[in-house]
PDB file of N, CA and C in Angstrom:
ATOM      1  N   MET A   1     105.551  44.473 111.965  1.00  0.00           N
ATOM      2  CA  MET A   1     105.355  43.634 113.134  1.00  0.00           C
ATOM      3  C   MET A   1     105.154  44.530 114.341  1.00  0.00           C
ATOM      4  N   SER A   2     104.105  44.285 115.102  1.00  0.00           N
ATOM      5  CA  SER A   2     103.807  45.089 116.275  1.00  0.00           C
ATOM      6  C   SER A   2     104.468  44.502 117.510  1.00  0.00           C
ATOM      7  N   VAL A   3     104.801  45.376 118.426  1.00  0.00           N
ATOM      8  CA  VAL A   3     105.366  44.957 119.698  1.00  0.00           C
ATOM      9  C   VAL A   3     104.351  45.299 120.771  1.00  0.00           C
ATOM     10  N   PHE A   4     104.008  44.345 121.621  1.00  0.00           N
ATOM     11  CA  PHE A   4     103.036  44.535 122.677  1.00  0.00           C
ATOM     12  C   PHE A   4     103.717  44.343 124.021  1.00  0.00           C
ATOM     13  N   SER A   5     103.289  45.095 124.998  1.00  0.00           N
ATOM     14  CA  SER A   5     103.837  44.934 126.346  1.00  0.00           C
ATOM     15  C   SER A   5     103.176  43.748 127.015  1.00  0.00           C
ATOM     16  N   ALA A   6     103.786  43.260 128.092  1.00  0.00           N
ATOM     17  CA  ALA A   6     103.206  42.140 128.847  1.00  0.00           C
ATOM     18  C   ALA A   6     101.841  42.515 129.380  1.00  0.00           C
ATOM     19  N   GLN A   7     101.661  43.773 129.773  1.00  0.00           N
ATOM     20  CA  GLN A   7     100.365  44.215 130.290  1.00  0.00           C
ATOM     21  C   GLN A   7      99.301  44.139 129.197  1.00  0.00           C
ATOM     22  N   ALA A   8      99.654  44.495 127.972  1.00  0.00           N
ATOM     23  CA  ALA A   8      98.684  44.450 126.881  1.00  0.00           C
ATOM     24  C   ALA A   8      98.304  43.014 126.542  1.00  0.00           C
ATOM     25  N   LEU A   9      99.218  42.066 126.753  1.00  0.00           N
ATOM     26  CA  LEU A   9      98.921  40.674 126.441  1.00  0.00           C
ATOM     27  C   LEU A   9      97.970  40.047 127.448  1.00  0.00           C
ATOM     28  N   ALA A  10      98.002  40.503 128.672  1.00  0.00           N
ATOM     29  CA  ALA A  10      97.163  39.898 129.710  1.00  0.00           C
ATOM     30  C   ALA A  10      95.707  40.264 129.465  1.00  0.00           C
ATOM     31  N   GLN A  11      94.825  39.283 129.544  1.00  0.00           N
ATOM     32  CA  GLN A  11      93.400  39.539 129.410  1.00  0.00           C
ATOM     33  C   GLN A  11      92.677  38.544 130.294  1.00  0.00           C
ATOM     34  N   ASP A  12      91.494  38.927 130.756  1.00  0.00           N
ATOM     35  CA  ASP A  12      90.774  38.085 131.699  1.00  0.00           C
ATOM     36  C   ASP A  12      90.008  36.961 131.030  1.00  0.00           C
ATOM     37  N   THR A  13      89.451  37.221 129.855  1.00  0.00           N
ATOM     38  CA  THR A  13      88.613  36.213 129.218  1.00  0.00           C
ATOM     39  C   THR A  13      88.815  36.204 127.713  1.00  0.00           C
ATOM     40  N   VAL A  14      88.447  35.102 127.120  1.00  0.00           N
ATOM     41  CA  VAL A  14      88.342  34.968 125.676  1.00  0.00           C
ATOM     42  C   VAL A  14      86.856  34.754 125.416  1.00  0.00           C
ATOM     43  N   ASP A  15      86.238  35.641 124.669  1.00  0.00           N
ATOM     44  CA  ASP A  15      84.809  35.532 124.382  1.00  0.00           C
ATOM     45  C   ASP A  15      84.594  35.074 122.951  1.00  0.00           C
ATOM     46  N   ILE A  16      84.116  33.833 122.788  1.00  0.00           N
ATOM     47  CA  ILE A  16      83.783  33.308 121.474  1.00  0.00           C
ATOM     48  C   ILE A  16      82.324  33.639 121.206  1.00  0.00           C
ATOM     49  N   HIS A  17      82.057  34.350 120.109  1.00  0.00           N
ATOM     50  CA  HIS A  17      80.690  34.706 119.757  1.00  0.00           C
ATOM     51  C   HIS A  17      80.064  33.690 118.799  1.00  0.00           C
ATOM     52  N   THR A  18      80.780  33.349 117.729  1.00  0.00           N
ATOM     53  CA  THR A  18      80.263  32.393 116.753  1.00  0.00           C
ATOM     54  C   THR A  18      81.387  31.507 116.229  1.00  0.00           C
ATOM     55  N   VAL A  19      81.010  30.293 115.849  1.00  0.00           N
ATOM     56  CA  VAL A  19      81.939  29.359 115.211  1.00  0.00           C
ATOM     57  C   VAL A  19      81.196  28.749 114.029  1.00  0.00           C
ATOM     58  N   PHE A  20      81.861  28.678 112.881  1.00  0.00           N
ATOM     59  CA  PHE A  20      81.249  28.121 111.673  1.00  0.00           C
ATOM     60  C   PHE A  20      82.237  27.192 110.995  1.00  0.00           C
ATOM     61  N   ALA A  21      81.804  25.974 110.682  1.00  0.00           N
ATOM     62  CA  ALA A  21      82.627  25.006 109.959  1.00  0.00           C
ATOM     63  C   ALA A  21      82.192  25.008 108.501  1.00  0.00           C
ATOM     64  N   ASP A  22      83.047  25.492 107.619  1.00  0.00           N
ATOM     65  CA  ASP A  22      82.767  25.532 106.185  1.00  0.00           C
ATOM     66  C   ASP A  22      83.470  24.359 105.521  1.00  0.00           C
ATOM     67  N   ARG A  23      82.711  23.308 105.252  1.00  0.00           N
ATOM     68  CA  ARG A  23      83.305  22.107 104.663  1.00  0.00           C
ATOM     69  C   ARG A  23      83.786  22.341 103.239  1.00  0.00           C
ATOM     70  N   ALA A  24      83.135  23.247 102.507  1.00  0.00           N
ATOM     71  CA  ALA A  24      83.530  23.501 101.114  1.00  0.00           C
ATOM     72  C   ALA A  24      84.957  24.035 101.041  1.00  0.00           C
ATOM     73  N   SER A  25      85.349  24.870 102.011  1.00  0.00           N
ATOM     74  CA  SER A  25      86.707  25.428 102.012  1.00  0.00           C
ATOM     75  C   SER A  25      87.603  24.774 103.071  1.00  0.00           C
ATOM     76  N   ASP A  26      87.067  23.770 103.792  1.00  0.00           N
ATOM     77  CA  ASP A  26      87.795  23.092 104.869  1.00  0.00           C
ATOM     78  C   ASP A  26      88.347  24.093 105.882  1.00  0.00           C
ATOM     79  N   THR A  27      87.495  25.067 106.257  1.00  0.00           N
ATOM     80  CA  THR A  27      87.925  26.122 107.162  1.00  0.00           C
ATOM     81  C   THR A  27      86.968  26.255 108.339  1.00  0.00           C
ATOM     82  N   LEU A  28      87.543  26.406 109.522  1.00  0.00           N
ATOM     83  CA  LEU A  28      86.787  26.700 110.734  1.00  0.00           C
ATOM     84  C   LEU A  28      86.958  28.189 111.010  1.00  0.00           C
ATOM     85  N   PHE A  29      85.837  28.911 111.115  1.00  0.00           N
ATOM     86  CA  PHE A  29      85.852  30.341 111.383  1.00  0.00           C
ATOM     87  C   PHE A  29      85.420  30.569 112.826  1.00  0.00           C
ATOM     88  N   ILE A  30      86.195  31.320 113.581  1.00  0.00           N
ATOM     89  CA  ILE A  30      85.870  31.652 114.970  1.00  0.00           C
ATOM     90  C   ILE A  30      85.849  33.167 115.087  1.00  0.00           C
ATOM     91  N   ASP A  31      84.713  33.723 115.522  1.00  0.00           N
ATOM     92  CA  ASP A  31      84.597  35.158 115.731  1.00  0.00           C
ATOM     93  C   ASP A  31      84.321  35.433 117.194  1.00  0.00           C
ATOM     94  N   GLY A  32      84.879  36.515 117.699  1.00  0.00           N
ATOM     95  CA  GLY A  32      84.666  36.872 119.088  1.00  0.00           C
ATOM     96  C   GLY A  32      85.503  38.055 119.495  1.00  0.00           C
ATOM     97  N   ASP A  33      85.713  38.182 120.791  1.00  0.00           N
ATOM     98  CA  ASP A  33      86.526  39.248 121.353  1.00  0.00           C
ATOM     99  C   ASP A  33      87.739  38.601 121.988  1.00  0.00           C
ATOM    100  N   PHE A  34      88.870  38.709 121.316  1.00  0.00           N
ATOM    101  CA  PHE A  34      90.093  38.051 121.765  1.00  0.00           C
ATOM    102  C   PHE A  34      91.088  39.029 122.373  1.00  0.00           C
ATOM    103  N   GLY A  35      90.667  40.275 122.586  1.00  0.00           N
ATOM    104  CA  GLY A  35      91.555  41.267 123.185  1.00  0.00           C
ATOM    105  C   GLY A  35      92.668  41.637 122.230  1.00  0.00           C
ATOM    106  N   ILE A  36      93.722  42.190 122.756  1.00  0.00           N
ATOM    107  CA  ILE A  36      94.869  42.572 121.940  1.00  0.00           C
ATOM    108  C   ILE A  36      95.724  41.331 121.746  1.00  0.00           C
ATOM    109  N   LEU A  37      95.828  40.905 120.509  1.00  0.00           N
ATOM    110  CA  LEU A  37      96.596  39.705 120.210  1.00  0.00           C
ATOM    111  C   LEU A  37      98.061  40.081 120.033  1.00  0.00           C
ATOM    112  N   GLY A  38      98.868  39.661 120.966  1.00  0.00           N
ATOM    113  CA  GLY A  38     100.295  39.933 120.871  1.00  0.00           C
ATOM    114  C   GLY A  38     101.035  38.732 120.339  1.00  0.00           C
ATOM    115  N   PHE A  39     100.485  38.071 119.334  1.00  0.00           N
ATOM    116  CA  PHE A  39     101.131  36.895 118.784  1.00  0.00           C
ATOM    117  C   PHE A  39     101.030  36.944 117.273  1.00  0.00           C
ATOM    118  N   THR A  40     101.785  36.117 116.610  1.00  0.00           N
ATOM    119  CA  THR A  40     101.732  36.021 115.163  1.00  0.00           C
ATOM    120  C   THR A  40     100.717  34.952 114.776  1.00  0.00           C
ATOM    121  N   PRO A  41     100.124  35.038 113.574  1.00  0.00           N
ATOM    122  CA  PRO A  41      99.182  34.000 113.151  1.00  0.00           C
ATOM    123  C   PRO A  41      99.813  32.610 113.271  1.00  0.00           C
ATOM    124  N   GLY A  42      99.060  31.662 113.727  1.00  0.00           N
ATOM    125  CA  GLY A  42      99.544  30.311 113.919  1.00  0.00           C
ATOM    126  C   GLY A  42      99.821  30.001 115.374  1.00  0.00           C
ATOM    127  N   THR A  43      99.919  31.017 116.219  1.00  0.00           N
ATOM    128  CA  THR A  43     100.224  30.815 117.623  1.00  0.00           C
ATOM    129  C   THR A  43      99.020  30.405 118.471  1.00  0.00           C
ATOM    130  N   PRO A  44      97.794  30.894 118.199  1.00  0.00           N
ATOM    131  CA  PRO A  44      96.665  30.439 119.015  1.00  0.00           C
ATOM    132  C   PRO A  44      96.517  28.927 118.889  1.00  0.00           C
ATOM    133  N   VAL A  45      96.048  28.289 119.932  1.00  0.00           N
ATOM    134  CA  VAL A  45      95.785  26.855 119.905  1.00  0.00           C
ATOM    135  C   VAL A  45      94.296  26.675 119.635  1.00  0.00           C
ATOM    136  N   VAL A  46      93.961  25.944 118.573  1.00  0.00           N
ATOM    137  CA  VAL A  46      92.569  25.637 118.237  1.00  0.00           C
ATOM    138  C   VAL A  46      92.451  24.126 118.132  1.00  0.00           C
ATOM    139  N   ARG A  47      91.505  23.573 118.889  1.00  0.00           N
ATOM    140  CA  ARG A  47      91.230  22.131 118.824  1.00  0.00           C
ATOM    141  C   ARG A  47      89.755  21.934 118.505  1.00  0.00           C
ATOM    142  N   LEU A  48      89.475  20.946 117.679  1.00  0.00           N
ATOM    143  CA  LEU A  48      88.112  20.567 117.348  1.00  0.00           C
ATOM    144  C   LEU A  48      87.945  19.107 117.731  1.00  0.00           C
ATOM    145  N   GLY A  49      87.130  18.847 118.747  1.00  0.00           N
ATOM    146  CA  GLY A  49      86.951  17.482 119.210  1.00  0.00           C
ATOM    147  C   GLY A  49      88.246  16.856 119.677  1.00  0.00           C
ATOM    148  N   GLY A  50      89.134  17.654 120.259  1.00  0.00           N
ATOM    149  CA  GLY A  50      90.404  17.150 120.778  1.00  0.00           C
ATOM    150  C   GLY A  50      91.526  17.065 119.759  1.00  0.00           C
ATOM    151  N   VAL A  51      91.246  17.410 118.493  1.00  0.00           N
ATOM    152  CA  VAL A  51      92.253  17.361 117.435  1.00  0.00           C
ATOM    153  C   VAL A  51      92.787  18.767 117.194  1.00  0.00           C
ATOM    154  N   ASP A  52      94.115  18.939 117.260  1.00  0.00           N
ATOM    155  CA  ASP A  52      94.731  20.240 116.989  1.00  0.00           C
ATOM    156  C   ASP A  52      94.547  20.609 115.520  1.00  0.00           C
ATOM    157  N   LEU A  53      94.147  21.864 115.278  1.00  0.00           N
ATOM    158  CA  LEU A  53      93.991  22.374 113.923  1.00  0.00           C
ATOM    159  C   LEU A  53      95.112  23.358 113.616  1.00  0.00           C
ATOM    160  N   VAL A  54      95.414  23.527 112.338  1.00  0.00           N
ATOM    161  CA  VAL A  54      96.406  24.500 111.904  1.00  0.00           C
ATOM    162  C   VAL A  54      95.707  25.845 111.751  1.00  0.00           C
ATOM    163  N   VAL A  55      96.175  26.852 112.494  1.00  0.00           N
ATOM    164  CA  VAL A  55      95.615  28.199 112.407  1.00  0.00           C
ATOM    165  C   VAL A  55      96.240  28.893 111.202  1.00  0.00           C
ATOM    166  N   THR A  56      95.380  29.434 110.318  1.00  0.00           N
ATOM    167  CA  THR A  56      95.864  30.075 109.097  1.00  0.00           C
ATOM    168  C   THR A  56      95.747  31.587 109.138  1.00  0.00           C
ATOM    169  N   SER A  57      94.928  32.110 110.063  1.00  0.00           N
ATOM    170  CA  SER A  57      94.719  33.549 110.146  1.00  0.00           C
ATOM    171  C   SER A  57      94.228  33.887 111.543  1.00  0.00           C
ATOM    172  N   ALA A  58      94.699  35.028 112.093  1.00  0.00           N
ATOM    173  CA  ALA A  58      94.261  35.438 113.428  1.00  0.00           C
ATOM    174  C   ALA A  58      94.288  36.948 113.559  1.00  0.00           C
ATOM    175  N   SER A  59      93.235  37.495 114.176  1.00  0.00           N
ATOM    176  CA  SER A  59      93.176  38.919 114.490  1.00  0.00           C
ATOM    177  C   SER A  59      92.502  39.068 115.846  1.00  0.00           C
ATOM    178  N   GLU A  60      92.206  40.292 116.249  1.00  0.00           N
ATOM    179  CA  GLU A  60      91.574  40.541 117.542  1.00  0.00           C
ATOM    180  C   GLU A  60      90.135  40.041 117.602  1.00  0.00           C
ATOM    181  N   THR A  61      89.503  39.797 116.426  1.00  0.00           N
ATOM    182  CA  THR A  61      88.096  39.395 116.407  1.00  0.00           C
ATOM    183  C   THR A  61      87.807  38.180 115.536  1.00  0.00           C
ATOM    184  N   HIS A  62      88.808  37.649 114.836  1.00  0.00           N
ATOM    185  CA  HIS A  62      88.538  36.569 113.871  1.00  0.00           C
ATOM    186  C   HIS A  62      89.744  35.630 113.789  1.00  0.00           C
ATOM    187  N   ILE A  63      89.460  34.330 113.842  1.00  0.00           N
ATOM    188  CA  ILE A  63      90.496  33.310 113.693  1.00  0.00           C
ATOM    189  C   ILE A  63      90.002  32.274 112.690  1.00  0.00           C
ATOM    190  N   GLU A  64      90.900  31.819 111.819  1.00  0.00           N
ATOM    191  CA  GLU A  64      90.580  30.767 110.859  1.00  0.00           C
ATOM    192  C   GLU A  64      91.561  29.622 111.043  1.00  0.00           C
ATOM    193  N   ALA A  65      91.027  28.397 110.924  1.00  0.00           N
ATOM    194  CA  ALA A  65      91.862  27.202 111.043  1.00  0.00           C
ATOM    195  C   ALA A  65      91.386  26.175 110.026  1.00  0.00           C
ATOM    196  N   THR A  66      92.298  25.282 109.639  1.00  0.00           N
ATOM    197  CA  THR A  66      91.981  24.248 108.650  1.00  0.00           C
ATOM    198  C   THR A  66      91.260  23.087 109.321  1.00  0.00           C
ATOM    199  N   LEU A  67      90.105  22.710 108.753  1.00  0.00           N
ATOM    200  CA  LEU A  67      89.328  21.574 109.267  1.00  0.00           C
ATOM    201  C   LEU A  67      89.979  20.258 108.863  1.00  0.00           C
ATOM    202  N   PRO A  68      89.772  19.206 109.669  1.00  0.00           N
ATOM    203  CA  PRO A  68      90.247  17.877 109.260  1.00  0.00           C
ATOM    204  C   PRO A  68      89.510  17.424 107.999  1.00  0.00           C
ATOM    205  N   ALA A  69      90.187  16.640 107.175  1.00  0.00           N
ATOM    206  CA  ALA A  69      89.556  16.104 105.967  1.00  0.00           C
ATOM    207  C   ALA A  69      88.383  15.220 106.346  1.00  0.00           C
ATOM    208  N   ALA A  70      87.333  15.262 105.540  1.00  0.00           N
ATOM    209  CA  ALA A  70      86.150  14.409 105.722  1.00  0.00           C
ATOM    210  C   ALA A  70      85.581  14.510 107.136  1.00  0.00           C
ATOM    211  N   LEU A  71      85.356  15.732 107.605  1.00  0.00           N
ATOM    212  CA  LEU A  71      84.780  15.946 108.929  1.00  0.00           C
ATOM    213  C   LEU A  71      83.370  15.363 108.978  1.00  0.00           C
ATOM    214  N   ALA A  72      83.130  14.459 109.897  1.00  0.00           N
ATOM    215  CA  ALA A  72      81.832  13.801 110.026  1.00  0.00           C
ATOM    216  C   ALA A  72      80.829  14.703 110.733  1.00  0.00           C
ATOM    217  N   ASP A  73      79.544  14.469 110.463  1.00  0.00           N
ATOM    218  CA  ASP A  73      78.494  15.159 111.212  1.00  0.00           C
ATOM    219  C   ASP A  73      78.639  14.820 112.683  1.00  0.00           C
ATOM    220  N   GLY A  74      78.286  15.751 113.541  1.00  0.00           N
ATOM    221  CA  GLY A  74      78.330  15.465 114.959  1.00  0.00           C
ATOM    222  C   GLY A  74      78.453  16.715 115.798  1.00  0.00           C
ATOM    223  N   GLU A  75      78.543  16.503 117.094  1.00  0.00           N
ATOM    224  CA  GLU A  75      78.707  17.572 118.081  1.00  0.00           C
ATOM    225  C   GLU A  75      80.174  17.611 118.478  1.00  0.00           C
ATOM    226  N   TYR A  76      80.788  18.787 118.364  1.00  0.00           N
ATOM    227  CA  TYR A  76      82.204  18.945 118.658  1.00  0.00           C
ATOM    228  C   TYR A  76      82.423  20.057 119.679  1.00  0.00           C
ATOM    229  N   THR A  77      83.441  19.903 120.496  1.00  0.00           N
ATOM    230  CA  THR A  77      83.882  20.978 121.364  1.00  0.00           C
ATOM    231  C   THR A  77      85.024  21.692 120.666  1.00  0.00           C
ATOM    232  N   VAL A  78      84.870  23.025 120.502  1.00  0.00           N
ATOM    233  CA  VAL A  78      85.927  23.855 119.945  1.00  0.00           C
ATOM    234  C   VAL A  78      86.655  24.471 121.129  1.00  0.00           C
ATOM    235  N   TYR A  79      87.950  24.240 121.208  1.00  0.00           N
ATOM    236  CA  TYR A  79      88.789  24.779 122.282  1.00  0.00           C
ATOM    237  C   TYR A  79      89.711  25.808 121.670  1.00  0.00           C
ATOM    238  N   LEU A  80      89.757  26.999 122.263  1.00  0.00           N
ATOM    239  CA  LEU A  80      90.626  28.067 121.798  1.00  0.00           C
ATOM    240  C   LEU A  80      91.459  28.562 122.964  1.00  0.00           C
ATOM    241  N   GLU A  81      92.766  28.599 122.764  1.00  0.00           N
ATOM    242  CA  GLU A  81      93.669  29.128 123.783  1.00  0.00           C
ATOM    243  C   GLU A  81      94.542  30.205 123.160  1.00  0.00           C
ATOM    244  N   LEU A  82      94.587  31.344 123.832  1.00  0.00           N
ATOM    245  CA  LEU A  82      95.451  32.442 123.418  1.00  0.00           C
ATOM    246  C   LEU A  82      96.593  32.527 124.409  1.00  0.00           C
ATOM    247  N   PRO A  83      97.796  32.153 123.995  1.00  0.00           N
ATOM    248  CA  PRO A  83      98.920  32.151 124.929  1.00  0.00           C
ATOM    249  C   PRO A  83      99.359  33.558 125.293  1.00  0.00           C
ATOM    250  N   GLY A  84      99.832  33.706 126.535  1.00  0.00           N
ATOM    251  CA  GLY A  84     100.435  34.946 126.991  1.00  0.00           C
ATOM    252  C   GLY A  84     101.933  34.761 127.094  1.00  0.00           C
ATOM    253  N   LEU A  85     102.589  35.701 127.724  1.00  0.00           N
ATOM    254  CA  LEU A  85     104.035  35.589 127.894  1.00  0.00           C
ATOM    255  C   LEU A  85     104.395  34.473 128.861  1.00  0.00           C
ATOM    256  N   SER A  86     103.458  34.131 129.761  1.00  0.00           N
ATOM    257  CA  SER A  86     103.678  33.028 130.693  1.00  0.00           C
ATOM    258  C   SER A  86     102.413  32.178 130.720  1.00  0.00           C
ATOM    259  N   GLU A  87     102.508  30.985 131.275  1.00  0.00           N
ATOM    260  CA  GLU A  87     101.341  30.109 131.356  1.00  0.00           C
ATOM    261  C   GLU A  87     100.217  30.760 132.148  1.00  0.00           C
ATOM    262  N   ALA A  88     100.562  31.548 133.161  1.00  0.00           N
ATOM    263  CA  ALA A  88      99.562  32.216 133.991  1.00  0.00           C
ATOM    264  C   ALA A  88      98.781  33.262 133.203  1.00  0.00           C
ATOM    265  N   GLU A  89      99.357  33.804 132.120  1.00  0.00           N
ATOM    266  CA  GLU A  89      98.682  34.821 131.322  1.00  0.00           C
ATOM    267  C   GLU A  89      97.862  34.220 130.176  1.00  0.00           C
ATOM    268  N   SER A  90      97.976  32.937 129.919  1.00  0.00           N
ATOM    269  CA  SER A  90      97.207  32.302 128.855  1.00  0.00           C
ATOM    270  C   SER A  90      95.727  32.302 129.216  1.00  0.00           C
ATOM    271  N   THR A  91      94.891  32.451 128.202  1.00  0.00           N
ATOM    272  CA  THR A  91      93.453  32.419 128.400  1.00  0.00           C
ATOM    273  C   THR A  91      92.847  31.446 127.411  1.00  0.00           C
ATOM    274  N   SER A  92      91.724  30.857 127.770  1.00  0.00           N
ATOM    275  CA  SER A  92      91.102  29.888 126.879  1.00  0.00           C
ATOM    276  C   SER A  92      89.584  29.929 127.017  1.00  0.00           C
ATOM    277  N   ALA A  93      88.921  29.329 126.037  1.00  0.00           N
ATOM    278  CA  ALA A  93      87.463  29.223 126.044  1.00  0.00           C
ATOM    279  C   ALA A  93      87.070  28.001 125.235  1.00  0.00           C
ATOM    280  N   GLU A  94      85.868  27.500 125.502  1.00  0.00           N
ATOM    281  CA  GLU A  94      85.323  26.383 124.740  1.00  0.00           C
ATOM    282  C   GLU A  94      83.976  26.779 124.157  1.00  0.00           C
ATOM    283  N   TYR A  95      83.615  26.118 123.069  1.00  0.00           N
ATOM    284  CA  TYR A  95      82.372  26.409 122.360  1.00  0.00           C
ATOM    285  C   TYR A  95      81.840  25.082 121.825  1.00  0.00           C
ATOM    286  N   SER A  96      80.553  24.856 121.923  1.00  0.00           N
ATOM    287  CA  SER A  96      79.952  23.635 121.403  1.00  0.00           C
ATOM    288  C   SER A  96      79.451  23.891 119.984  1.00  0.00           C
ATOM    289  N   LEU A  97      79.883  23.062 119.042  1.00  0.00           N
ATOM    290  CA  LEU A  97      79.548  23.236 117.632  1.00  0.00           C
ATOM    291  C   LEU A  97      78.897  21.971 117.101  1.00  0.00           C
ATOM    292  N   THR A  98      77.744  22.133 116.462  1.00  0.00           N
ATOM    293  CA  THR A  98      77.081  21.023 115.796  1.00  0.00           C
ATOM    294  C   THR A  98      77.359  21.131 114.303  1.00  0.00           C
ATOM    295  N   VAL A  99      77.880  20.061 113.709  1.00  0.00           N
ATOM    296  CA  VAL A  99      78.181  20.021 112.278  1.00  0.00           C
ATOM    297  C   VAL A  99      77.184  19.076 111.628  1.00  0.00           C
ATOM    298  N   LEU A 100      76.416  19.596 110.671  1.00  0.00           N
ATOM    299  CA  LEU A 100      75.417  18.804 109.961  1.00  0.00           C
ATOM    300  C   LEU A 100      75.582  18.986 108.463  1.00  0.00           C
ATOM    301  N   SER A 101      75.328  17.927 107.718  1.00  0.00           N
ATOM    302  CA  SER A 101      75.338  18.009 106.258  1.00  0.00           C
ATOM    303  C   SER A 101      74.043  18.636 105.788  1.00  0.00           C
ATOM    304  N   LEU A 102      74.147  19.491 104.790  1.00  0.00           N
ATOM    305  CA  LEU A 102      72.953  20.064 104.176  1.00  0.00           C
ATOM    306  C   LEU A 102      72.579  19.186 102.996  1.00  0.00           C
ATOM    307  N   VAL A 103      71.326  18.779 102.956  1.00  0.00           N
ATOM    308  CA  VAL A 103      70.857  17.913 101.888  1.00  0.00           C
ATOM    309  C   VAL A 103      69.808  18.680 101.093  1.00  0.00           C
ATOM    310  N   THR A 104      69.984  18.732  99.774  1.00  0.00           N
ATOM    311  CA  THR A 104      69.020  19.393  98.910  1.00  0.00           C
ATOM    312  C   THR A 104      67.946  18.389  98.524  1.00  0.00           C
ATOM    313  N   GLY A 105      66.721  18.760  98.773  1.00  0.00           N
ATOM    314  CA  GLY A 105      65.594  17.886  98.450  1.00  0.00           C
ATOM    315  C   GLY A 105      65.208  17.996  96.984  1.00  0.00           C
ATOM    316  N   PRO A 106      64.217  17.220  96.576  1.00  0.00           N
ATOM    317  CA  PRO A 106      63.772  17.264  95.170  1.00  0.00           C
ATOM    318  C   PRO A 106      63.092  18.595  94.876  1.00  0.00           C
ATOM    319  N   ALA A 107      63.099  18.964  93.599  1.00  0.00           N
ATOM    320  CA  ALA A 107      62.452  20.204  93.174  1.00  0.00           C
ATOM    321  C   ALA A 107      60.946  20.091  93.374  1.00  0.00           C
ATOM    322  N   GLY A 108      60.347  21.172  93.778  1.00  0.00           N
ATOM    323  CA  GLY A 108      58.888  21.213  93.954  1.00  0.00           C
ATOM    324  C   GLY A 108      58.201  21.521  92.646  1.00  0.00           C
ATOM    325  N   PRO A 109      56.877  21.525  92.681  1.00  0.00           N
ATOM    326  CA  PRO A 109      56.112  21.829  91.442  1.00  0.00           C
ATOM    327  C   PRO A 109      56.307  23.285  91.048  1.00  0.00           C
ATOM    328  N   ALA A 110      56.130  23.548  89.774  1.00  0.00           N
ATOM    329  CA  ALA A 110      56.255  24.912  89.258  1.00  0.00           C
ATOM    330  C   ALA A 110      55.172  25.782  89.857  1.00  0.00           C
ATOM    331  N   GLY A 111      55.505  27.011  90.159  1.00  0.00           N
ATOM    332  CA  GLY A 111      54.538  27.955  90.716  1.00  0.00           C
ATOM    333  C   GLY A 111      53.702  28.589  89.601  1.00  0.00           C
ATOM    334  N   ALA A 112      52.666  29.300  90.022  1.00  0.00           N
ATOM    335  CA  ALA A 112      51.794  29.981  89.072  1.00  0.00           C
ATOM    336  C   ALA A 112      52.542  31.164  88.454  1.00  0.00           C
ATOM    337  N   ASP A 113      52.150  31.529  87.224  1.00  0.00           N
ATOM    338  CA  ASP A 113      52.748  32.684  86.563  1.00  0.00           C
ATOM    339  C   ASP A 113      52.357  33.941  87.334  1.00  0.00           C
ATOM    340  N   GLY A 114      53.270  34.878  87.391  1.00  0.00           N
ATOM    341  CA  GLY A 114      53.010  36.137  88.070  1.00  0.00           C
ATOM    342  C   GLY A 114      52.112  37.030  87.246  1.00  0.00           C
ATOM    343  N   ALA A 115      51.492  38.009  87.910  1.00  0.00           N
ATOM    344  CA  ALA A 115      50.630  38.983  87.189  1.00  0.00           C
ATOM    345  C   ALA A 115      51.493  39.919  86.359  1.00  0.00           C
ATOM    346  N   ASP A 116      51.000  40.283  85.175  1.00  0.00           N
ATOM    347  CA  ASP A 116      51.748  41.206  84.294  1.00  0.00           C
ATOM    348  C   ASP A 116      51.537  42.619  84.702  1.00  0.00           C
TER     349      ASP A 116
END
């Protein structure tokens, strides 16, 4: 277990680079620059469309959280808050995520045989 000073916990911004909703594993992946995380996994606050998610993994650049069951297609706001030692040191960011179902179309015609 690492010990961080109050100065190390303070950061000016939370930069979210990418967010991916994997319905097959019911996991929300958030990648970015979260600074030095002076907290244990489960402490960051992650909300999807206003619903609190359970954080299962957290590092300085990657956070994973459990998606709600049967997540519908739509546009969602992802809210991420990294708490500090005090409310004044907490930082947060939002990200807009579009969730769409992938539909496999019918098979196309067979292609021509390749040259030998």
